[in-house]
Amino acid sequence: MTRRYPSTIAAAVEHEIVITKSRFVAHAVPVTGPADAERVIAEIRRAAWDARHHCVAMVTGVLGDQARSSDDGEPSGTAGVPMLEVLRRRELTDVVLVVSRWFGGVKLGAGGLVRAYSTSASEALDRATLVRRAALTEVTIDVEHGDAGRVDNVLRDWVRHHDATLGTTTYGRLATFALAVSAGDLDALRADLAAASAGALVPVVGAETVVDVVQP
């Protein structure tokens, strides 16, 4: 059975809501790990220095096995944990959520706070572009420079129809294309490359790794 990995988000998003005169500004930001998340939190705190609270939820790690939340002065369990539950329900990782609140003078109560922070987090993530992750096999293909343009077109079309992603091409003595391909599609790649090049192109198969699957 193929393991499913949590997704992440492609880029940072910001979203604001106002509830009973209190202003909530949510930031959902992709991060590389806890240290990167702490950097993001510090930057948001500095930028929104006049907010009363900066509540946090983060999930990190390839399997989403590291998590932390903070109510930052709100009643215990009314902010960070509900935000964390939003990340868990959506099966996201390597994401930090920071919701800054400017108090509007009207107390919301515990239930109102839970709804406000959950809604703020959810609506921010609704605006994010999701990036699927999968365990794919690294593949490289060496090509003469004169054939690089044609092969690039072939590979871009190929990954659109298979569980694969095209990486960065490097240029040295030869042009080297990098792909990440599902194990089940490796034979198809070999056959299709052979057919497109009269047997001249042979992919070199490397290790399996978990990658962000971004289609061209």
Protein backbone atom coordinates (compact mmCIF):
# COMPACT_ATOMS: atom_id res chain seq x y z
CA MET A 1 0.00 0.00 0.00
CA THR A 2 1.36 3.42 -0.97
CA ARG A 3 1.98 5.71 2.00
CA ARG A 4 0.10 9.02 1.94
CA TYR A 5 2.04 12.06 3.07
CA PRO A 6 0.60 15.32 4.43
CA SER A 7 0.44 18.17 1.94
CA THR A 8 1.85 21.65 2.43
CA ILE A 9 1.10 25.09 0.95
CA ALA A 10 2.86 26.76 -1.95
CA ALA A 11 3.17 30.29 -0.56
CA ALA A 12 2.25 32.51 2.37
CA VAL A 13 -1.29 33.88 2.62
CA GLU A 14 -2.82 36.59 4.81
CA HIS A 15 -6.49 36.98 5.69
CA GLU A 16 -8.40 39.38 7.95
CA ILE A 17 -11.79 39.04 9.65
CA VAL A 18 -13.59 41.25 12.17
CA ILE A 19 -15.81 39.68 14.84
CA THR A 20 -17.67 41.84 17.36
CA LYS A 21 -15.19 44.70 16.85
CA SER A 22 -12.12 42.48 17.39
CA ARG A 23 -9.80 42.30 14.40
CA PHE A 24 -8.15 38.95 13.57
CA VAL A 25 -5.36 38.78 10.99
CA ALA A 26 -4.22 35.28 10.05
CA HIS A 27 -0.93 34.40 8.38
CA ALA A 28 -0.43 30.89 7.00
CA VAL A 29 3.19 30.40 5.96
CA PRO A 30 5.10 27.38 4.57
CA VAL A 31 8.21 26.61 6.63
CA THR A 32 11.13 24.19 6.51
CA GLY A 33 10.99 23.27 10.19
CA PRO A 34 10.51 24.58 13.76
CA ALA A 35 13.42 27.04 13.59
CA ASP A 36 12.06 28.57 10.37
CA ALA A 37 8.61 28.76 11.98
CA GLU A 38 10.05 30.64 14.97
CA ARG A 39 11.63 33.12 12.55
CA VAL A 40 8.25 33.69 10.87
CA ILE A 41 6.51 34.15 14.23
CA ALA A 42 9.11 36.71 15.34
CA GLU A 43 8.73 38.67 12.09
CA ILE A 44 4.95 38.81 12.42
CA ARG A 45 5.22 39.90 16.06
CA ARG A 46 7.54 42.74 15.06
CA ALA A 47 5.32 43.84 12.17
CA ALA A 48 2.08 43.67 14.19
CA TRP A 49 3.60 44.96 17.44
CA ASP A 50 0.38 46.63 18.58
CA ALA A 51 -1.77 43.47 18.51
CA ARG A 52 -2.80 42.15 21.93
CA HIS A 53 -2.31 38.46 21.04
CA HIS A 54 -0.30 36.46 18.50
CA CYS A 55 -1.68 32.94 18.71
CA VAL A 56 0.24 30.15 17.00
CA ALA A 57 -0.17 26.65 15.62
CA MET A 58 2.43 24.76 13.63
CA VAL A 59 2.88 21.28 12.20
CA THR A 60 6.25 20.24 10.77
CA GLY A 61 8.06 17.14 9.54
CA VAL A 62 7.53 14.97 6.47
CA LEU A 63 4.97 12.90 8.37
CA GLY A 64 3.53 15.88 10.24
CA ASP A 65 4.76 14.35 13.49
CA GLN A 66 5.91 17.59 15.15
CA ALA A 67 3.30 20.04 16.40
CA ARG A 68 3.06 23.00 18.75
CA SER A 69 0.50 25.64 19.65
CA SER A 70 0.26 28.74 21.82
CA ASP A 71 -2.71 30.74 23.13
CA ASP A 72 -0.44 33.75 23.84
CA GLY A 73 -2.54 35.07 26.71
CA GLU A 74 -5.98 34.01 25.49
CA PRO A 75 -7.87 31.60 27.81
CA SER A 76 -6.28 28.15 27.69
CA GLY A 77 -7.43 26.02 24.76
CA THR A 78 -9.36 28.76 22.96
CA ALA A 79 -6.87 29.72 20.23
CA GLY A 80 -3.76 27.64 19.52
CA VAL A 81 -5.38 24.23 19.87
CA PRO A 82 -8.38 25.04 17.63
CA MET A 83 -5.96 26.42 15.03
CA LEU A 84 -3.86 23.26 15.30
CA GLU A 85 -6.98 21.17 14.76
CA VAL A 86 -7.58 23.03 11.50
CA LEU A 87 -4.10 22.01 10.28
CA ARG A 88 -4.66 18.42 11.42
CA ARG A 89 -8.06 18.10 9.74
CA ARG A 90 -6.62 19.35 6.47
CA GLU A 91 -3.63 16.98 6.76
CA LEU A 92 -1.06 19.75 6.34
CA THR A 93 2.55 19.92 7.45
CA ASP A 94 5.47 22.35 7.29
CA VAL A 95 3.00 25.17 7.88
CA VAL A 96 2.83 27.75 10.67
CA LEU A 97 -0.38 29.65 11.43
CA VAL A 98 -0.19 32.95 13.32
CA VAL A 99 -3.42 34.77 14.15
CA SER A 100 -2.92 38.27 15.56
CA ARG A 101 -5.83 39.84 17.46
CA TRP A 102 -6.58 43.47 18.11
CA PHE A 103 -9.14 43.53 20.95
CA GLY A 104 -12.26 45.50 20.09
CA GLY A 105 -13.54 46.03 23.62
CA VAL A 106 -16.16 43.26 23.64
CA LYS A 107 -15.35 39.90 25.25
CA LEU A 108 -16.22 36.94 23.02
CA GLY A 109 -16.28 34.20 25.65
CA ALA A 110 -14.51 30.85 25.33
CA GLY A 111 -16.81 29.50 22.63
CA GLY A 112 -16.64 32.71 20.66
CA LEU A 113 -12.85 32.70 20.77
CA VAL A 114 -12.65 29.10 19.58
CA ARG A 115 -14.94 29.92 16.65
CA ALA A 116 -13.07 33.12 15.84
CA TYR A 117 -9.60 31.55 15.77
CA SER A 118 -10.82 28.44 13.93
CA THR A 119 -12.61 30.54 11.34
CA SER A 120 -9.62 32.84 10.87
CA ALA A 121 -7.28 29.88 10.34
CA SER A 122 -9.70 28.03 8.05
CA GLU A 123 -10.46 31.02 5.84
CA ALA A 124 -6.74 31.79 5.46
CA LEU A 125 -6.01 28.21 4.39
CA ASP A 126 -8.96 28.31 1.98
CA ARG A 127 -6.94 30.92 0.08
CA ALA A 128 -3.73 28.88 0.01
CA THR A 129 -2.55 26.76 -2.91
CA LEU A 130 -1.98 23.19 -1.73
CA VAL A 131 1.10 21.22 -2.75
CA ARG A 132 0.82 17.44 -2.73
CA ARG A 133 3.74 15.37 -1.48
CA ALA A 134 4.68 11.87 -2.55
CA ALA A 135 7.52 9.37 -2.33
CA LEU A 136 9.08 9.45 -5.81
CA THR A 137 12.27 8.05 -7.31
CA GLU A 138 14.99 10.44 -8.45
CA VAL A 139 15.93 10.03 -12.12
CA THR A 140 18.49 11.83 -14.26
CA ILE A 141 18.80 11.87 -18.05
CA ASP A 142 21.91 13.09 -19.89
CA VAL A 143 21.31 14.69 -23.28
CA GLU A 144 23.49 16.32 -25.91
CA HIS A 145 22.99 20.09 -25.91
CA GLY A 146 21.63 20.06 -29.44
CA ASP A 147 18.80 17.73 -28.36
CA ALA A 148 18.01 19.45 -25.06
CA GLY A 149 15.14 21.59 -26.33
CA ARG A 150 13.30 18.66 -27.92
CA VAL A 151 13.83 16.42 -24.89
CA ASP A 152 12.65 19.18 -22.57
CA ASN A 153 9.36 19.33 -24.48
CA VAL A 154 9.02 15.53 -24.36
CA LEU A 155 9.61 15.41 -20.60
CA ARG A 156 7.27 18.31 -19.83
CA ASP A 157 4.49 16.54 -21.69
CA TRP A 158 5.36 13.19 -20.07
CA VAL A 159 5.15 14.41 -16.46
CA ARG A 160 1.72 15.92 -17.14
CA HIS A 161 0.40 12.41 -17.80
CA HIS A 162 2.24 10.51 -15.06
CA ASP A 163 2.86 10.67 -11.33
CA ALA A 164 6.08 12.64 -11.74
CA THR A 165 7.62 16.08 -11.51
CA LEU A 166 10.35 17.76 -13.53
CA GLY A 167 13.22 19.32 -11.59
CA THR A 168 16.07 21.66 -12.50
CA THR A 169 18.14 21.07 -15.63
CA THR A 170 21.90 21.48 -15.23
CA TYR A 171 24.29 22.23 -18.08
CA GLY A 172 27.84 20.93 -18.22
CA ARG A 173 29.42 18.79 -20.90
CA LEU A 174 25.89 17.45 -21.34
CA ALA A 175 22.45 18.75 -20.39
CA THR A 176 21.19 16.77 -17.38
CA PHE A 177 17.47 16.63 -16.74
CA ALA A 178 16.25 15.72 -13.25
CA LEU A 179 12.89 14.10 -12.62
CA ALA A 180 11.09 12.51 -9.68
CA VAL A 181 8.98 9.56 -10.80
CA SER A 182 6.73 7.09 -9.01
CA ALA A 183 8.13 3.57 -8.91
CA GLY A 184 5.19 2.30 -10.94
CA ASP A 185 5.95 4.70 -13.81
CA LEU A 186 9.67 3.96 -14.20
CA ASP A 187 9.16 1.28 -16.85
CA ALA A 188 6.88 3.61 -18.80
CA LEU A 189 9.53 6.33 -18.67
CA ARG A 190 12.21 3.98 -19.99
CA ALA A 191 9.96 2.80 -22.81
CA ASP A 192 8.75 6.28 -23.79
CA LEU A 193 12.27 7.72 -23.79
CA ALA A 194 13.53 4.84 -25.89
CA ALA A 195 10.71 5.36 -28.37
CA ALA A 196 11.37 9.12 -28.56
CA SER A 197 15.11 8.72 -29.13
CA ALA A 198 15.52 5.44 -31.03
CA GLY A 199 16.91 3.92 -27.86
CA ALA A 200 19.54 6.62 -27.27
CA LEU A 201 18.15 8.01 -24.01
CA VAL A 202 18.50 5.84 -20.90
CA PRO A 203 17.35 7.21 -17.51
CA VAL A 204 19.65 6.74 -14.52
CA VAL A 205 17.59 5.74 -11.48
CA GLY A 206 18.55 7.06 -8.05
CA ALA A 207 17.08 7.00 -4.56
CA GLU A 208 13.48 7.37 -3.45
CA THR A 209 12.66 10.66 -1.71
CA VAL A 210 9.60 12.60 -0.58
CA VAL A 211 9.07 15.58 -2.87
CA ASP A 212 6.59 18.37 -3.53
CA VAL A 213 4.68 17.39 -6.64
CA VAL A 214 4.27 20.56 -8.70
CA GLN A 215 3.00 20.01 -12.23
CA PRO A 216 4.34 22.34 -14.95
